[in-house]
């Protein structure tokens, strides 16, 4: 049996004159990486959907695990900014909204072990 790559839906980029598209799986990977760049956030899933059929504007729905070091509204806003920036500057994808769901807590890193006897 051969391995088959499934790209998912093809999303229109924000250039309606050229009919450019990107695979949802590829865009989601870039946007998860953008979310992961924020300290205290780890993306678990990411889905993109056009606002209307054939529209170049999209909604991003992302599930995250979050650390509780900072207030969650502040963390969510930082993640939204990172995702919106990556969508625009890295992909050329028009995003109208970033819906976040936090469904897990990231454990704080363990303190380094004391090597002194």
N, C-alpha and C. Protein backbone atom coordinates (compact mmCIF):
# COMPACT_ATOMS: atom_id res chain seq x y z
N UNK A 1 0.83 -1.16 0.00
CA UNK A 1 0.00 0.00 0.00
C UNK A 1 0.89 1.24 0.00
N UNK A 2 0.53 2.21 -0.77
CA UNK A 2 1.28 3.45 -0.84
C UNK A 2 0.74 4.47 0.15
N UNK A 3 1.65 5.26 0.68
CA UNK A 3 1.22 6.37 1.53
C UNK A 3 0.67 7.47 0.64
N UNK A 4 -0.42 8.04 1.07
CA UNK A 4 -1.06 9.08 0.27
C UNK A 4 -1.16 10.36 1.09
N UNK A 5 -0.68 11.44 0.53
CA UNK A 5 -0.76 12.73 1.21
C UNK A 5 -2.15 13.32 1.00
N UNK A 6 -2.77 13.71 2.08
CA UNK A 6 -4.08 14.36 2.00
C UNK A 6 -3.90 15.82 2.39
N UNK A 7 -4.12 16.68 1.45
CA UNK A 7 -3.88 18.10 1.66
C UNK A 7 -5.05 18.82 2.31
N UNK A 8 -6.22 18.27 2.24
CA UNK A 8 -7.40 18.95 2.77
C UNK A 8 -7.93 19.94 1.75
N UNK A 9 -8.81 20.78 2.23
CA UNK A 9 -9.44 21.78 1.36
C UNK A 9 -8.39 22.75 0.81
N UNK A 10 -8.66 23.26 -0.36
CA UNK A 10 -7.79 24.27 -0.95
C UNK A 10 -8.42 25.64 -0.68
N UNK A 11 -7.66 26.51 -0.03
CA UNK A 11 -8.15 27.81 0.39
C UNK A 11 -7.65 28.90 -0.56
N UNK A 12 -8.53 29.83 -0.90
CA UNK A 12 -8.14 30.95 -1.76
C UNK A 12 -7.28 31.93 -0.97
N UNK A 13 -6.17 32.34 -1.56
CA UNK A 13 -5.35 33.38 -0.95
C UNK A 13 -5.96 34.74 -1.27
N UNK A 14 -5.49 35.76 -0.57
CA UNK A 14 -6.06 37.10 -0.70
C UNK A 14 -5.52 37.81 -1.94
N UNK A 15 -5.75 37.21 -3.09
CA UNK A 15 -5.38 37.80 -4.37
C UNK A 15 -6.37 37.28 -5.41
N UNK A 16 -7.62 37.80 -5.38
CA UNK A 16 -8.67 37.23 -6.22
C UNK A 16 -8.37 37.29 -7.72
N UNK A 17 -7.51 38.18 -8.16
CA UNK A 17 -7.20 38.29 -9.58
C UNK A 17 -6.38 37.10 -10.09
N UNK A 18 -5.65 36.43 -9.20
CA UNK A 18 -4.73 35.38 -9.65
C UNK A 18 -5.21 33.98 -9.32
N UNK A 19 -6.29 33.84 -8.53
CA UNK A 19 -6.85 32.53 -8.19
C UNK A 19 -5.81 31.61 -7.55
N UNK A 20 -5.03 32.14 -6.62
CA UNK A 20 -4.01 31.36 -5.92
C UNK A 20 -4.64 30.63 -4.74
N UNK A 21 -4.19 29.41 -4.48
CA UNK A 21 -4.74 28.59 -3.40
C UNK A 21 -3.61 27.95 -2.60
N UNK A 22 -3.96 27.59 -1.36
CA UNK A 22 -3.03 26.87 -0.49
C UNK A 22 -3.82 25.76 0.19
N UNK A 23 -3.16 24.64 0.43
CA UNK A 23 -3.81 23.53 1.11
C UNK A 23 -4.05 23.91 2.57
N UNK A 24 -5.22 23.54 3.08
CA UNK A 24 -5.55 23.84 4.47
C UNK A 24 -4.52 23.24 5.41
N UNK A 25 -4.07 22.03 5.14
CA UNK A 25 -3.09 21.38 6.03
C UNK A 25 -1.79 22.16 6.10
N UNK A 26 -1.37 22.72 4.99
CA UNK A 26 -0.13 23.52 4.96
C UNK A 26 -0.31 24.82 5.72
N UNK A 27 -1.41 25.51 5.48
CA UNK A 27 -1.69 26.77 6.18
C UNK A 27 -1.81 26.52 7.68
N UNK A 28 -2.49 25.44 8.06
CA UNK A 28 -2.68 25.13 9.48
C UNK A 28 -1.34 24.89 10.17
N UNK A 29 -0.43 24.23 9.49
CA UNK A 29 0.89 23.96 10.08
C UNK A 29 1.63 25.27 10.35
N UNK A 30 1.59 26.21 9.42
CA UNK A 30 2.24 27.51 9.60
C UNK A 30 1.59 28.27 10.75
N UNK A 31 0.27 28.23 10.84
CA UNK A 31 -0.42 28.97 11.89
C UNK A 31 -0.23 28.33 13.27
N UNK A 32 -0.15 27.00 13.33
CA UNK A 32 0.17 26.35 14.62
C UNK A 32 1.56 26.73 15.08
N UNK A 33 2.49 26.78 14.14
CA UNK A 33 3.86 27.18 14.49
C UNK A 33 3.88 28.61 15.03
N UNK A 34 3.09 29.50 14.44
CA UNK A 34 3.00 30.88 14.93
C UNK A 34 2.46 30.91 16.35
N UNK A 35 1.44 30.12 16.63
CA UNK A 35 0.88 30.06 17.99
C UNK A 35 1.91 29.51 18.97
N UNK A 36 2.65 28.49 18.54
CA UNK A 36 3.67 27.87 19.40
C UNK A 36 4.82 28.82 19.71
N UNK A 37 4.99 29.86 18.90
CA UNK A 37 6.07 30.82 19.15
C UNK A 37 5.79 31.72 20.36
N UNK A 38 4.57 31.70 20.85
CA UNK A 38 4.21 32.50 22.02
C UNK A 38 4.51 31.67 23.26
N UNK A 39 5.36 32.18 24.17
CA UNK A 39 5.66 31.42 25.39
C UNK A 39 4.38 31.14 26.18
N UNK A 40 4.20 29.88 26.57
CA UNK A 40 3.03 29.50 27.34
C UNK A 40 1.87 29.02 26.50
N UNK A 41 2.05 28.88 25.19
CA UNK A 41 0.98 28.39 24.31
C UNK A 41 1.50 27.26 23.43
N UNK A 42 0.69 26.23 23.28
CA UNK A 42 0.99 25.12 22.37
C UNK A 42 -0.28 24.76 21.62
N UNK A 43 -0.23 24.90 20.32
CA UNK A 43 -1.39 24.60 19.48
C UNK A 43 -1.58 23.09 19.38
N UNK A 44 -2.82 22.65 19.54
CA UNK A 44 -3.15 21.24 19.40
C UNK A 44 -3.80 20.97 18.05
N UNK A 45 -4.67 21.86 17.62
CA UNK A 45 -5.33 21.67 16.33
C UNK A 45 -5.61 23.04 15.72
N UNK A 46 -5.80 23.04 14.41
CA UNK A 46 -6.09 24.28 13.69
C UNK A 46 -6.92 23.94 12.46
N UNK A 47 -8.05 24.60 12.32
CA UNK A 47 -8.91 24.44 11.15
C UNK A 47 -9.16 25.81 10.54
N UNK A 48 -9.24 25.85 9.23
CA UNK A 48 -9.53 27.09 8.52
C UNK A 48 -10.76 26.88 7.67
N UNK A 49 -11.61 27.90 7.62
CA UNK A 49 -12.79 27.80 6.77
C UNK A 49 -13.10 29.17 6.19
N UNK A 50 -13.51 29.19 4.92
CA UNK A 50 -13.87 30.47 4.30
C UNK A 50 -15.15 31.01 4.94
N UNK A 51 -15.25 32.35 5.01
CA UNK A 51 -16.47 32.94 5.56
C UNK A 51 -17.67 32.57 4.71
N UNK A 52 -17.50 32.59 3.40
CA UNK A 52 -18.54 32.17 2.46
C UNK A 52 -17.86 31.36 1.36
N UNK A 53 -18.62 30.53 0.71
CA UNK A 53 -18.07 29.72 -0.38
C UNK A 53 -17.43 30.63 -1.44
N UNK A 54 -16.19 30.35 -1.80
CA UNK A 54 -15.50 31.13 -2.82
C UNK A 54 -14.93 32.44 -2.31
N UNK A 55 -14.99 32.68 -1.00
CA UNK A 55 -14.50 33.92 -0.40
C UNK A 55 -13.01 33.80 -0.10
N UNK A 56 -12.29 34.91 -0.16
CA UNK A 56 -10.87 34.91 0.19
C UNK A 56 -10.66 35.17 1.68
N UNK A 57 -11.71 35.51 2.43
CA UNK A 57 -11.60 35.74 3.88
C UNK A 57 -11.93 34.46 4.62
N UNK A 58 -11.15 34.17 5.68
CA UNK A 58 -11.27 32.91 6.40
C UNK A 58 -11.39 33.13 7.90
N UNK A 59 -11.90 32.10 8.56
CA UNK A 59 -11.91 32.03 10.02
C UNK A 59 -10.96 30.92 10.42
N UNK A 60 -10.15 31.18 11.45
CA UNK A 60 -9.25 30.18 12.00
C UNK A 60 -9.83 29.73 13.33
N UNK A 61 -9.98 28.41 13.50
CA UNK A 61 -10.40 27.82 14.77
C UNK A 61 -9.25 26.99 15.29
N UNK A 62 -8.75 27.36 16.47
CA UNK A 62 -7.55 26.71 16.99
C UNK A 62 -7.79 26.27 18.43
N UNK A 63 -7.29 25.08 18.75
CA UNK A 63 -7.33 24.56 20.11
C UNK A 63 -5.92 24.62 20.68
N UNK A 64 -5.82 25.10 21.93
CA UNK A 64 -4.51 25.32 22.56
C UNK A 64 -4.42 24.67 23.93
N UNK A 65 -3.20 24.39 24.31
CA UNK A 65 -2.85 24.14 25.71
C UNK A 65 -2.13 25.40 26.17
N UNK A 66 -2.41 25.84 27.40
CA UNK A 66 -1.85 27.11 27.86
C UNK A 66 -1.25 26.97 29.25
N UNK A 67 -0.16 27.69 29.46
CA UNK A 67 0.42 27.80 30.79
C UNK A 67 -0.39 28.84 31.56
N UNK A 68 -0.37 28.74 32.85
CA UNK A 68 -1.14 29.66 33.67
C UNK A 68 -0.25 30.72 34.32
N UNK A 69 0.92 30.98 33.72
CA UNK A 69 1.84 31.98 34.25
C UNK A 69 1.30 33.39 34.10
N UNK A 70 0.61 33.65 32.99
CA UNK A 70 0.04 34.96 32.69
C UNK A 70 -1.46 34.82 32.56
N UNK A 71 -2.19 35.93 32.65
CA UNK A 71 -3.64 35.85 32.46
C UNK A 71 -4.00 35.29 31.08
N UNK A 72 -5.00 34.43 31.03
CA UNK A 72 -5.38 33.79 29.77
C UNK A 72 -5.83 34.79 28.70
N UNK A 73 -6.58 35.85 29.04
CA UNK A 73 -6.95 36.81 27.98
C UNK A 73 -5.73 37.45 27.31
N UNK A 74 -4.71 37.73 28.09
CA UNK A 74 -3.47 38.31 27.53
C UNK A 74 -2.78 37.31 26.61
N UNK A 75 -2.69 36.06 27.05
CA UNK A 75 -2.08 35.01 26.23
C UNK A 75 -2.86 34.82 24.94
N UNK A 76 -4.18 34.77 25.05
CA UNK A 76 -5.02 34.57 23.86
C UNK A 76 -4.82 35.71 22.87
N UNK A 77 -4.71 36.93 23.34
CA UNK A 77 -4.51 38.07 22.43
C UNK A 77 -3.16 37.99 21.73
N UNK A 78 -2.12 37.56 22.46
CA UNK A 78 -0.80 37.40 21.85
C UNK A 78 -0.84 36.31 20.77
N UNK A 79 -1.53 35.21 21.04
CA UNK A 79 -1.65 34.13 20.06
C UNK A 79 -2.40 34.63 18.83
N UNK A 80 -3.50 35.36 19.05
CA UNK A 80 -4.27 35.90 17.92
C UNK A 80 -3.39 36.79 17.04
N UNK A 81 -2.63 37.68 17.67
CA UNK A 81 -1.75 38.57 16.89
C UNK A 81 -0.72 37.76 16.10
N UNK A 82 -0.13 36.74 16.72
CA UNK A 82 0.87 35.92 16.02
C UNK A 82 0.24 35.18 14.84
N UNK A 83 -0.95 34.64 15.04
CA UNK A 83 -1.62 33.89 13.97
C UNK A 83 -2.02 34.83 12.84
N UNK A 84 -2.58 35.98 13.19
CA UNK A 84 -2.97 36.95 12.15
C UNK A 84 -1.75 37.44 11.37
N UNK A 85 -0.65 37.69 12.06
CA UNK A 85 0.57 38.14 11.39
C UNK A 85 1.12 37.09 10.44
N UNK A 86 1.15 35.83 10.89
CA UNK A 86 1.65 34.75 10.03
C UNK A 86 0.73 34.55 8.82
N UNK A 87 -0.57 34.62 9.05
CA UNK A 87 -1.52 34.44 7.94
C UNK A 87 -1.30 35.51 6.88
N UNK A 88 -1.13 36.74 7.32
CA UNK A 88 -0.98 37.85 6.38
C UNK A 88 0.41 37.88 5.74
N UNK A 89 1.45 37.89 6.57
CA UNK A 89 2.80 38.12 6.06
C UNK A 89 3.47 36.88 5.48
N UNK A 90 3.18 35.71 6.03
CA UNK A 90 3.85 34.50 5.54
C UNK A 90 3.04 33.80 4.45
N UNK A 91 1.71 33.86 4.55
CA UNK A 91 0.88 33.10 3.64
C UNK A 91 0.10 33.94 2.62
N UNK A 92 -0.16 35.20 2.96
CA UNK A 92 -1.03 36.00 2.10
C UNK A 92 -2.48 35.56 2.22
N UNK A 93 -2.86 35.09 3.40
CA UNK A 93 -4.19 34.57 3.66
C UNK A 93 -4.96 35.61 4.48
N UNK A 94 -6.14 36.00 4.00
CA UNK A 94 -6.97 36.97 4.70
C UNK A 94 -7.76 36.25 5.79
N UNK A 95 -7.56 36.66 7.06
CA UNK A 95 -8.24 36.04 8.19
C UNK A 95 -9.10 37.10 8.87
N UNK A 96 -10.39 36.81 8.98
CA UNK A 96 -11.32 37.74 9.61
C UNK A 96 -11.39 37.53 11.11
N UNK A 97 -11.20 36.29 11.57
CA UNK A 97 -11.31 35.99 13.00
C UNK A 97 -10.45 34.80 13.35
N UNK A 98 -9.94 34.82 14.58
CA UNK A 98 -9.21 33.68 15.14
C UNK A 98 -9.94 33.26 16.40
N UNK A 99 -10.63 32.12 16.33
CA UNK A 99 -11.38 31.59 17.47
C UNK A 99 -10.48 30.60 18.21
N UNK A 100 -10.25 30.87 19.49
CA UNK A 100 -9.36 30.03 20.29
C UNK A 100 -10.16 29.28 21.35
N UNK A 101 -9.80 28.03 21.54
CA UNK A 101 -10.33 27.22 22.63
C UNK A 101 -9.14 26.68 23.40
N UNK A 102 -9.10 26.96 24.70
CA UNK A 102 -8.03 26.44 25.55
C UNK A 102 -8.61 25.25 26.28
N UNK A 103 -8.03 24.07 26.02
CA UNK A 103 -8.60 22.86 26.59
C UNK A 103 -7.63 22.05 27.44
N UNK A 104 -6.44 22.59 27.67
CA UNK A 104 -5.46 21.88 28.49
C UNK A 104 -4.52 22.89 29.12
N UNK A 105 -3.90 22.47 30.21
CA UNK A 105 -2.95 23.32 30.92
C UNK A 105 -1.55 22.75 30.71
N UNK A 106 -0.63 23.63 30.33
CA UNK A 106 0.77 23.23 30.21
C UNK A 106 1.38 23.23 31.60
N UNK A 107 2.02 22.16 31.93
CA UNK A 107 2.70 22.08 33.21
C UNK A 107 3.94 22.95 33.19
N UNK A 108 4.24 23.65 34.28
CA UNK A 108 5.48 24.43 34.30
C UNK A 108 6.68 23.50 34.22
N UNK A 109 7.77 23.98 33.64
CA UNK A 109 8.96 23.13 33.55
C UNK A 109 9.47 22.78 34.95
N UNK A 110 9.99 21.57 35.07
CA UNK A 110 10.54 21.15 36.36
C UNK A 110 11.79 21.95 36.66
N UNK A 111 11.98 22.33 37.93
CA UNK A 111 13.21 23.06 38.27
C UNK A 111 14.42 22.15 38.07
N UNK A 112 15.56 22.74 37.72
CA UNK A 112 16.76 21.90 37.50
C UNK A 112 17.12 21.17 38.80
N UNK A 113 17.59 19.95 38.64
CA UNK A 113 17.99 19.14 39.81
C UNK A 113 19.24 19.74 40.41
N UNK A 114 19.28 19.76 41.73
CA UNK A 114 20.45 20.28 42.45
C UNK A 114 21.51 19.17 42.47
N UNK A 115 22.68 19.48 41.88
CA UNK A 115 23.74 18.47 41.77
C UNK A 115 24.58 18.38 43.04
N UNK A 116 24.35 19.26 44.00
CA UNK A 116 25.15 19.21 45.24
C UNK A 116 24.61 18.13 46.16
N UNK A 117 25.52 17.31 46.76
CA UNK A 117 25.06 16.24 47.67
C UNK A 117 24.58 16.74 48.98
